[in-house]
């Protein structure tokens, strides 16, 4: 067995805000007797983007605050102190390195532009002998197990899915030991409030389809409720296109987005459900959706910053508009489509929108209004509780005709409303909000 190092290791949490099944945390505890951790509420994540929206608005910020509070408590049970900062990582992390004489930093690998820039700024701020130990840990199917390079990732999802389902495997869940207690450690840092982040406090809307709290503890509770208590998993495929309520879909995406639950934990619990109860199209379909999530991550690994460019990964040259009045009408639910309007009002009031709603409002924005799809993607980034850079930009490219849809489909929002909101109940629920 490898002898643990005496020096203190630092785990830098970003989008892996959990204790269970966390390879990064496991590696740090396995290799070192003493471990501390940090999380930074980086101010640049709360600034106005070039498209005019806050990069993180209040709904996701509140969920993130709850998540970090829960992470801090869960790490404490492993004898690990979480230091929380509201300044940039390149300012906070070198300070921790100096105080605790840290030689090794452990972190989850990220590859999109802003994350790379942040990491490079830290590396420039610390001594050359500091080891940065990076691990891919946000996938269902690990990059080393998919049997292809990033450049070989297929342009069509079905080809990707069939190959990994045939030739790949999902790794087992990682179990953590406890770190050794560090005596007399002082940590006066505090998890910020919404006001600290210059965001307006709010109460969760009574009709929200996502009234849940952030954090690993609550993600685990939701999983147990949805799978084993109510057995709603067994009907997932039939209900997943629903529009009203908490249980038409799993609602795992916000916890997955910030890493407070892993795709592997969900997968192996699906397998446990199938073993205990039954296996059907619904149990498979939840895994199917996790594979979609993986796919968009691999697409961004393959195409890098092209996922943020107006021509997308296909480099298509459409004649996009930048009509601010039309954008505001879309945001405020004032378009010609009552179905689009209802979904947009729901997003504005709750930070949540169904998968069916997202496809429709994005298609309407890009293909009916012909407005630069990146503006819509930036608004989603600001508002969605479950914003994930890869899924958000992957899906927006897909529906805008610059991504991975080989058929370049356009949603008929009126027909979609007739099919998925036949009685108009969803539209009535949210359109009445404009009256108050």
Protein backbone atom coordinates (compact mmCIF):
# COMPACT_ATOMS: atom_id res chain seq x y z
CA UNK A 1 0.00 0.00 0.00
CA UNK A 2 1.25 3.48 -0.88
CA UNK A 3 2.39 5.49 2.12
CA UNK A 4 0.38 8.67 2.60
CA UNK A 5 2.26 11.96 2.25
CA UNK A 6 2.57 14.09 5.37
CA UNK A 7 2.07 17.46 3.68
CA UNK A 8 -1.42 18.93 3.38
CA UNK A 9 -3.22 18.54 0.05
CA UNK A 10 -5.73 21.04 -1.31
CA UNK A 11 -8.90 19.98 -3.14
CA UNK A 12 -10.18 22.81 -5.31
CA UNK A 13 -13.90 22.25 -5.86
CA UNK A 14 -15.56 23.65 -8.98
CA UNK A 15 -18.35 21.63 -10.63
CA UNK A 16 -17.90 18.52 -8.46
CA UNK A 17 -19.58 19.65 -5.25
CA UNK A 18 -20.05 16.29 -3.57
CA UNK A 19 -18.35 13.90 -1.17
CA UNK A 20 -19.65 10.56 -2.49
CA UNK A 21 -18.23 9.14 -5.70
CA UNK A 22 -15.75 11.98 -6.08
CA UNK A 23 -12.54 10.70 -7.67
CA UNK A 24 -10.68 13.97 -7.08
CA UNK A 25 -11.43 13.97 -3.36
CA UNK A 26 -10.69 10.26 -3.12
CA UNK A 27 -7.27 10.69 -4.71
CA UNK A 28 -6.37 13.48 -2.31
CA UNK A 29 -7.43 11.50 0.78
CA UNK A 30 -5.73 8.34 -0.48
CA UNK A 31 -2.43 10.09 -1.16
CA UNK A 32 -2.26 12.47 1.83
CA UNK A 33 -2.81 12.25 5.57
CA UNK A 34 -4.20 15.76 5.73
CA UNK A 35 -6.56 17.46 3.30
CA UNK A 36 -8.23 20.84 3.11
CA UNK A 37 -10.62 22.10 0.43
CA UNK A 38 -11.74 25.37 -1.08
CA UNK A 39 -14.52 26.81 -3.22
CA UNK A 40 -14.47 30.25 -4.82
CA UNK A 41 -17.53 32.28 -5.70
CA UNK A 42 -15.56 33.86 -8.51
CA UNK A 43 -16.81 37.45 -9.08
CA UNK A 44 -16.58 37.04 -12.85
CA UNK A 45 -19.36 34.44 -12.66
CA UNK A 46 -21.73 37.19 -11.44
CA UNK A 47 -20.80 39.88 -13.94
CA UNK A 48 -22.79 40.97 -16.99
CA UNK A 49 -21.84 38.98 -20.10
CA UNK A 50 -21.29 40.56 -23.50
CA UNK A 51 -24.88 39.62 -24.38
CA UNK A 52 -26.26 41.75 -21.55
CA UNK A 53 -27.21 39.15 -18.91
CA UNK A 54 -25.64 38.19 -15.60
CA UNK A 55 -23.63 35.03 -16.10
CA UNK A 56 -25.26 33.64 -12.94
CA UNK A 57 -28.51 35.13 -11.74
CA UNK A 58 -30.30 34.58 -8.46
CA UNK A 59 -31.96 31.20 -9.03
CA UNK A 60 -28.78 29.23 -9.70
CA UNK A 61 -26.83 31.34 -7.21
CA UNK A 62 -29.22 30.41 -4.40
CA UNK A 63 -29.03 26.74 -5.37
CA UNK A 64 -25.22 27.00 -5.43
CA UNK A 65 -25.08 28.66 -2.02
CA UNK A 66 -27.18 25.84 -0.56
CA UNK A 67 -24.93 23.31 -2.28
CA UNK A 68 -21.72 24.77 -0.86
CA UNK A 69 -23.23 24.94 2.63
CA UNK A 70 -24.11 21.26 2.37
CA UNK A 71 -20.69 20.38 0.96
CA UNK A 72 -19.00 22.13 3.85
CA UNK A 73 -20.98 20.05 6.38
CA UNK A 74 -20.38 16.78 4.52
CA UNK A 75 -16.65 17.43 4.22
CA UNK A 76 -16.50 18.16 7.94
CA UNK A 77 -17.60 14.56 8.58
CA UNK A 78 -14.44 13.46 6.71
CA UNK A 79 -12.25 15.80 8.81
CA UNK A 80 -11.84 18.17 5.87
CA UNK A 81 -12.28 21.91 6.26
CA UNK A 82 -13.84 23.82 3.34
CA UNK A 83 -12.56 27.35 2.86
CA UNK A 84 -15.02 29.54 0.95
CA UNK A 85 -14.03 32.74 -0.83
CA UNK A 86 -15.76 35.49 -2.79
CA UNK A 87 -12.72 36.63 -4.70
CA UNK A 88 -10.96 35.16 -7.72
CA UNK A 89 -9.23 31.77 -7.39
CA UNK A 90 -5.88 33.26 -8.45
CA UNK A 91 -6.12 35.43 -5.32
CA UNK A 92 -7.49 32.88 -2.84
CA UNK A 93 -5.61 29.70 -3.72
CA UNK A 94 -2.04 31.08 -3.57
CA UNK A 95 -2.88 32.42 -0.11
CA UNK A 96 -3.96 28.96 1.08
CA UNK A 97 -0.82 27.46 -0.44
CA UNK A 98 1.33 29.86 1.58
CA UNK A 99 -0.52 29.36 4.86
CA UNK A 100 -0.62 25.54 4.75
CA UNK A 101 2.62 24.92 2.79
CA UNK A 102 0.69 23.00 0.16
CA UNK A 103 2.57 21.10 -2.53
CA UNK A 104 -0.33 19.32 -4.27
CA UNK A 105 -3.65 20.60 -5.60
CA UNK A 106 -6.38 18.19 -6.70
CA UNK A 107 -9.10 19.28 -9.11
CA UNK A 108 -11.58 18.07 -11.70
CA UNK A 109 -10.50 18.55 -15.31
CA UNK A 110 -12.41 21.26 -17.16
CA UNK A 111 -11.73 22.25 -20.76
CA UNK A 112 -13.89 25.20 -21.75
CA UNK A 113 -12.20 28.57 -22.27
CA UNK A 114 -13.03 30.39 -19.03
CA UNK A 115 -12.09 27.42 -16.84
CA UNK A 116 -8.76 27.02 -18.64
CA UNK A 117 -8.05 30.74 -18.28
CA UNK A 118 -8.78 30.59 -14.54
CA UNK A 119 -6.53 27.58 -14.02
CA UNK A 120 -3.69 29.19 -15.99
CA UNK A 121 -3.99 32.37 -13.93
CA UNK A 122 -3.49 30.30 -10.76
CA UNK A 123 -0.51 28.44 -12.18
CA UNK A 124 1.12 31.77 -12.97
CA UNK A 125 0.53 32.91 -9.38
CA UNK A 126 2.19 29.96 -7.60
CA UNK A 127 5.61 28.32 -7.52
CA UNK A 128 6.56 25.95 -10.33
CA UNK A 129 6.91 23.02 -7.90
CA UNK A 130 3.20 22.96 -7.05
CA UNK A 131 1.63 19.80 -8.50
CA UNK A 132 -1.76 20.13 -10.17
CA UNK A 133 -3.49 16.74 -10.20
CA UNK A 134 -6.42 16.82 -12.65
CA UNK A 135 -8.97 14.06 -13.19
CA UNK A 136 -11.93 13.68 -15.52
CA UNK A 137 -14.83 12.95 -13.19
CA UNK A 138 -18.00 14.40 -14.69
CA UNK A 139 -18.86 11.60 -17.13
CA UNK A 140 -20.99 8.50 -17.06
CA UNK A 141 -18.50 6.81 -19.40
CA UNK A 142 -14.95 7.84 -18.59
CA UNK A 143 -12.83 9.12 -21.53
CA UNK A 144 -10.38 6.27 -21.05
CA UNK A 145 -13.17 3.72 -21.46
CA UNK A 146 -14.98 4.84 -24.62
CA UNK A 147 -12.59 3.28 -27.13
CA UNK A 148 -12.11 6.40 -29.25
CA UNK A 149 -10.20 9.65 -29.20
CA UNK A 150 -11.98 12.96 -28.81
CA UNK A 151 -11.45 13.69 -32.49
CA UNK A 152 -13.24 10.43 -33.34
CA UNK A 153 -16.45 11.38 -31.48
CA UNK A 154 -19.26 10.87 -34.05
CA UNK A 155 -21.23 13.85 -35.29
CA UNK A 156 -24.49 11.94 -34.75
CA UNK A 157 -25.59 10.97 -31.23
CA UNK A 158 -27.00 7.55 -32.20
CA UNK A 159 -23.63 6.41 -33.52
CA UNK A 160 -21.96 7.52 -30.29
CA UNK A 161 -24.57 5.83 -28.12
CA UNK A 162 -24.46 2.51 -29.93
CA UNK A 163 -20.69 2.34 -29.75
CA UNK A 164 -20.34 3.07 -26.05
CA UNK A 165 -23.27 0.85 -25.11
CA UNK A 166 -21.62 -2.01 -27.00
CA UNK A 167 -17.98 -1.57 -26.09
CA UNK A 168 -17.81 0.53 -22.90
CA UNK A 169 -18.64 0.12 -19.24
CA UNK A 170 -19.63 2.38 -16.37
CA UNK A 171 -17.08 2.43 -13.59
CA UNK A 172 -18.09 1.55 -10.02
CA UNK A 173 -18.80 4.24 -7.46
CA UNK A 174 -15.76 5.51 -5.54
CA UNK A 175 -15.92 5.18 -1.75
CA UNK A 176 -14.03 7.68 0.43
CA UNK A 177 -12.10 7.05 3.63
CA UNK A 178 -11.74 9.89 6.15
CA UNK A 179 -8.74 12.18 6.22
CA UNK A 180 -6.72 12.60 9.41
CA UNK A 181 -7.80 15.47 11.66
CA UNK A 182 -5.74 18.65 11.36
CA UNK A 183 -5.34 20.10 14.85
CA UNK A 184 -6.02 23.76 15.62
CA UNK A 185 -7.03 24.66 12.08
CA UNK A 186 -8.69 28.06 11.80
CA UNK A 187 -11.33 28.76 9.17
CA UNK A 188 -13.22 32.02 9.47
CA UNK A 189 -14.50 32.02 5.89
CA UNK A 190 -18.25 32.12 5.35
CA UNK A 191 -20.58 30.96 2.59
CA UNK A 192 -21.93 34.18 1.04
CA UNK A 193 -25.55 35.26 0.85
CA UNK A 194 -27.34 36.39 -2.29
CA UNK A 195 -26.88 39.96 -1.07
CA UNK A 196 -23.13 39.37 -0.79
CA UNK A 197 -23.17 38.40 -4.47
CA UNK A 198 -25.20 41.54 -5.27
CA UNK A 199 -28.29 39.50 -6.12
CA UNK A 200 -31.85 39.99 -4.93
CA UNK A 201 -33.24 37.53 -2.33
CA UNK A 202 -36.46 35.74 -3.26
CA UNK A 203 -38.92 33.09 -2.15
CA UNK A 204 -39.43 30.04 -4.33
CA UNK A 205 -42.51 30.43 -6.52
CA UNK A 206 -45.41 28.28 -5.21
CA UNK A 207 -45.96 26.77 -8.68
CA UNK A 208 -42.31 25.99 -9.35
CA UNK A 209 -41.65 22.56 -10.84
CA UNK A 210 -38.28 22.65 -9.07
CA UNK A 211 -38.81 23.65 -5.41
CA UNK A 212 -35.84 21.57 -4.21
CA UNK A 213 -32.75 22.66 -2.29
CA UNK A 214 -29.17 22.45 -3.47
CA UNK A 215 -26.62 19.99 -2.14
CA UNK A 216 -25.62 16.35 -2.15
CA UNK A 217 -27.88 15.47 0.77
CA UNK A 218 -30.95 16.75 -1.08
CA UNK A 219 -29.87 15.13 -4.36
CA UNK A 220 -29.68 11.79 -2.56
CA UNK A 221 -33.09 12.34 -1.01
CA UNK A 222 -34.59 13.15 -4.40
CA UNK A 223 -33.06 10.02 -5.91
CA UNK A 224 -34.45 7.83 -3.15
CA UNK A 225 -37.89 9.43 -3.41
CA UNK A 226 -38.08 9.24 -7.21
CA UNK A 227 -36.66 5.72 -7.48
CA UNK A 228 -37.41 3.71 -4.39
CA UNK A 229 -40.18 5.46 -2.46
CA UNK A 230 -42.57 6.50 -5.25
CA UNK A 231 -41.09 4.27 -8.01
CA UNK A 232 -41.75 7.12 -10.46
CA UNK A 233 -38.65 5.97 -12.35
CA UNK A 234 -40.77 3.15 -13.74
CA UNK A 235 -42.96 5.68 -15.62
CA UNK A 236 -40.24 8.15 -16.63
CA UNK A 237 -40.46 7.63 -20.39
CA UNK A 238 -44.23 8.21 -20.36
CA UNK A 239 -44.15 11.36 -18.24
CA UNK A 240 -40.82 13.02 -19.14
CA UNK A 241 -42.44 15.44 -21.61
CA UNK A 242 -44.74 16.78 -18.92
CA UNK A 243 -44.95 20.48 -18.13
CA UNK A 244 -46.48 20.86 -14.64
CA UNK A 245 -45.38 19.54 -11.26
CA UNK A 246 -42.31 18.06 -9.64
CA UNK A 247 -42.54 14.44 -10.75
CA UNK A 248 -43.01 14.38 -14.53
CA UNK A 249 -39.21 14.07 -14.78
CA UNK A 250 -36.38 13.12 -12.44
CA UNK A 251 -35.24 16.74 -11.88
CA UNK A 252 -31.66 15.50 -11.35
CA UNK A 253 -30.15 18.02 -13.78
CA UNK A 254 -29.44 20.88 -11.30
CA UNK A 255 -27.53 18.56 -8.97
CA UNK A 256 -25.74 16.97 -11.92
CA UNK A 257 -24.82 20.39 -13.29
CA UNK A 258 -22.84 21.46 -10.24
CA UNK A 259 -21.68 17.94 -9.48
CA UNK A 260 -23.50 17.41 -6.19
CA UNK A 261 -24.52 14.01 -7.55
CA UNK A 262 -22.64 11.93 -10.10
CA UNK A 263 -24.00 10.30 -13.23
CA UNK A 264 -22.47 7.03 -11.99
CA UNK A 265 -24.47 7.09 -8.75
CA UNK A 266 -27.67 7.61 -10.72
CA UNK A 267 -26.74 4.82 -13.16
CA UNK A 268 -25.97 2.25 -10.48
CA UNK A 269 -29.16 3.15 -8.60
CA UNK A 270 -31.13 2.56 -11.81
CA UNK A 271 -29.50 -0.86 -11.97
CA UNK A 272 -30.41 -1.47 -8.33
CA UNK A 273 -34.02 -0.47 -9.06
CA UNK A 274 -34.11 -2.91 -11.99
CA UNK A 275 -32.75 -5.65 -9.74
CA UNK A 276 -35.24 -5.00 -6.95
CA UNK A 277 -38.36 -4.23 -8.99
CA UNK A 278 -38.41 -4.31 -12.79
CA UNK A 279 -36.63 -3.22 -15.94
CA UNK A 280 -38.50 -1.41 -18.71
CA UNK A 281 -38.19 1.35 -21.32
CA UNK A 282 -38.38 3.99 -18.59
CA UNK A 283 -35.43 2.67 -16.60
CA UNK A 284 -33.41 2.51 -19.82
CA UNK A 285 -34.51 5.98 -20.90
CA UNK A 286 -33.07 7.67 -17.84
CA UNK A 287 -29.69 6.13 -18.69
CA UNK A 288 -30.28 7.19 -22.31
CA UNK A 289 -30.57 10.81 -21.13
CA UNK A 290 -27.35 10.48 -19.12
CA UNK A 291 -25.63 9.34 -22.32
CA UNK A 292 -26.92 12.48 -24.07
CA UNK A 293 -25.34 14.49 -21.28
CA UNK A 294 -22.03 12.69 -21.85
CA UNK A 295 -22.32 13.24 -25.58
CA UNK A 296 -22.49 17.03 -25.31
CA UNK A 297 -19.45 16.98 -23.04
CA UNK A 298 -17.54 14.94 -25.61
CA UNK A 299 -18.70 17.26 -28.40
CA UNK A 300 -17.23 20.22 -26.53
CA UNK A 301 -14.01 18.27 -25.92
CA UNK A 302 -13.82 17.62 -29.65
CA UNK A 303 -14.76 21.04 -30.96
CA UNK A 304 -13.48 23.29 -28.13
CA UNK A 305 -14.53 26.94 -28.47
CA UNK A 306 -16.50 26.35 -31.67
CA UNK A 307 -19.49 25.54 -29.44
CA UNK A 308 -19.58 29.27 -28.54
CA UNK A 309 -19.26 30.62 -32.08
CA UNK A 310 -22.24 31.82 -34.09
CA UNK A 311 -21.61 29.23 -36.83
CA UNK A 312 -21.38 26.45 -34.25
CA UNK A 313 -19.49 23.25 -34.89
CA UNK A 314 -20.80 23.17 -38.49
CA UNK A 315 -19.53 26.70 -39.24
CA UNK A 316 -22.89 27.55 -40.81
CA UNK A 317 -23.35 31.06 -42.13
CA UNK A 318 -26.96 32.01 -41.36
CA UNK A 319 -28.21 35.60 -41.40
CA UNK A 320 -28.83 36.07 -37.70
CA UNK A 321 -30.46 39.22 -36.29
CA UNK A 322 -29.76 41.05 -33.02
CA UNK A 323 -33.15 42.67 -32.42
CA UNK A 324 -33.24 43.83 -28.79
CA UNK A 325 -37.00 44.49 -28.84
CA UNK A 326 -37.74 40.96 -30.06
CA UNK A 327 -35.35 39.51 -27.46
CA UNK A 328 -37.17 41.36 -24.68
CA UNK A 329 -40.55 40.17 -25.94
CA UNK A 330 -39.22 36.60 -25.91
CA UNK A 331 -37.83 37.00 -22.39
CA UNK A 332 -41.02 38.58 -21.04
CA UNK A 333 -43.43 36.17 -22.72
CA UNK A 334 -44.83 38.67 -25.23
CA UNK A 335 -44.38 36.81 -28.52
CA UNK A 336 -47.14 35.67 -30.89
CA UNK A 337 -46.98 32.14 -29.36
CA UNK A 338 -48.81 31.62 -26.06
CA UNK A 339 -46.94 28.32 -25.59
CA UNK A 340 -43.56 30.03 -25.92
CA UNK A 341 -44.77 32.83 -23.67
CA UNK A 342 -45.90 30.48 -20.90
CA UNK A 343 -42.56 28.69 -20.88
CA UNK A 344 -40.59 31.93 -20.83
CA UNK A 345 -42.65 33.31 -17.95
CA UNK A 346 -42.06 30.09 -16.03
CA UNK A 347 -38.30 30.50 -16.55
CA UNK A 348 -38.35 34.15 -15.50
CA UNK A 349 -40.36 33.39 -12.34
CA UNK A 350 -38.69 30.12 -11.25
CA UNK A 351 -35.35 29.49 -12.99
CA UNK A 352 -36.79 26.26 -14.39
CA UNK A 353 -38.26 25.09 -17.69
CA UNK A 354 -39.15 21.61 -18.91
CA UNK A 355 -37.10 19.89 -21.59
CA UNK A 356 -40.05 20.16 -23.98
CA UNK A 357 -40.33 23.86 -23.26
CA UNK A 358 -36.63 24.49 -23.82
CA UNK A 359 -36.67 22.87 -27.24
CA UNK A 360 -39.66 24.93 -28.31
CA UNK A 361 -38.56 28.34 -27.07
CA UNK A 362 -35.04 27.84 -28.45
CA UNK A 363 -36.31 26.73 -31.85
CA UNK A 364 -38.73 29.69 -31.93
CA UNK A 365 -35.90 32.09 -31.04
CA UNK A 366 -33.45 30.79 -33.63
CA UNK A 367 -35.69 29.65 -36.48
CA UNK A 368 -38.81 31.81 -36.25
CA UNK A 369 -37.26 35.03 -34.99
CA UNK A 370 -33.88 34.26 -36.61
CA UNK A 371 -32.04 35.95 -33.75
CA UNK A 372 -28.42 35.06 -32.94
CA UNK A 373 -28.87 31.85 -30.95
CA UNK A 374 -25.99 32.73 -28.61
CA UNK A 375 -28.13 35.49 -27.08
CA UNK A 376 -30.76 32.91 -26.13
CA UNK A 377 -28.07 30.58 -24.81
CA UNK A 378 -26.63 33.40 -22.69
CA UNK A 379 -30.07 34.12 -21.21
CA UNK A 380 -30.47 30.45 -20.35
CA UNK A 381 -27.00 30.55 -18.76
CA UNK A 382 -28.12 33.39 -16.53
CA UNK A 383 -31.50 32.00 -15.54
CA UNK A 384 -31.45 28.20 -15.43
CA UNK A 385 -30.89 26.51 -12.09
CA UNK A 386 -29.44 23.54 -13.98
CA UNK A 387 -27.20 25.44 -16.38
CA UNK A 388 -24.39 23.23 -17.66
CA UNK A 389 -22.07 24.77 -20.24
CA UNK A 390 -21.84 21.65 -22.43
CA UNK A 391 -25.54 20.73 -22.43
CA UNK A 392 -26.69 24.33 -22.79
CA UNK A 393 -24.56 25.22 -25.79
CA UNK A 394 -24.83 21.72 -27.25
CA UNK A 395 -28.63 21.88 -27.18
CA UNK A 396 -28.80 25.44 -28.48
CA UNK A 397 -26.54 24.55 -31.41
CA UNK A 398 -28.66 21.45 -32.04
CA UNK A 399 -31.99 23.29 -32.31
CA UNK A 400 -30.44 26.25 -34.15
CA UNK A 401 -29.12 24.15 -37.04
CA UNK A 402 -25.42 24.64 -36.28
CA UNK A 403 -24.85 21.51 -34.17
CA UNK A 404 -25.51 17.78 -34.09
CA UNK A 405 -28.99 17.50 -35.58
CA UNK A 406 -28.53 15.88 -39.01
CA UNK A 407 -32.12 16.76 -39.99
CA UNK A 408 -32.02 20.44 -38.95
CA UNK A 409 -35.58 20.33 -37.63
CA UNK A 410 -37.81 23.26 -36.74
CA UNK A 411 -40.44 22.98 -34.02
CA UNK A 412 -43.99 23.97 -34.88
CA UNK A 413 -44.82 25.55 -31.53
CA UNK A 414 -48.58 25.53 -32.16
CA UNK A 415 -48.64 21.80 -32.90
CA UNK A 416 -46.34 21.18 -29.92
CA UNK A 417 -48.77 23.05 -27.68
CA UNK A 418 -51.69 20.98 -28.96
CA UNK A 419 -49.79 17.77 -28.32
CA UNK A 420 -48.19 18.47 -24.95
CA UNK A 421 -50.61 21.02 -23.46
CA UNK A 422 -53.85 19.76 -24.96
CA UNK A 423 -56.17 21.41 -22.44
CA UNK A 424 -54.08 24.56 -22.18
CA UNK A 425 -53.58 24.03 -18.44
CA UNK A 426 -49.87 24.85 -18.52
CA UNK A 427 -50.41 28.01 -20.59
CA UNK A 428 -53.18 29.21 -18.29
CA UNK A 429 -51.02 28.56 -15.23
CA UNK A 430 -48.19 30.83 -16.35
CA UNK A 431 -49.92 33.35 -18.60
CA UNK A 432 -52.03 34.49 -15.66
CA UNK A 433 -48.75 35.50 -14.00
CA UNK A 434 -48.57 38.47 -16.38
CA UNK A 435 -51.73 39.84 -14.79
CA UNK A 436 -50.02 40.41 -11.44
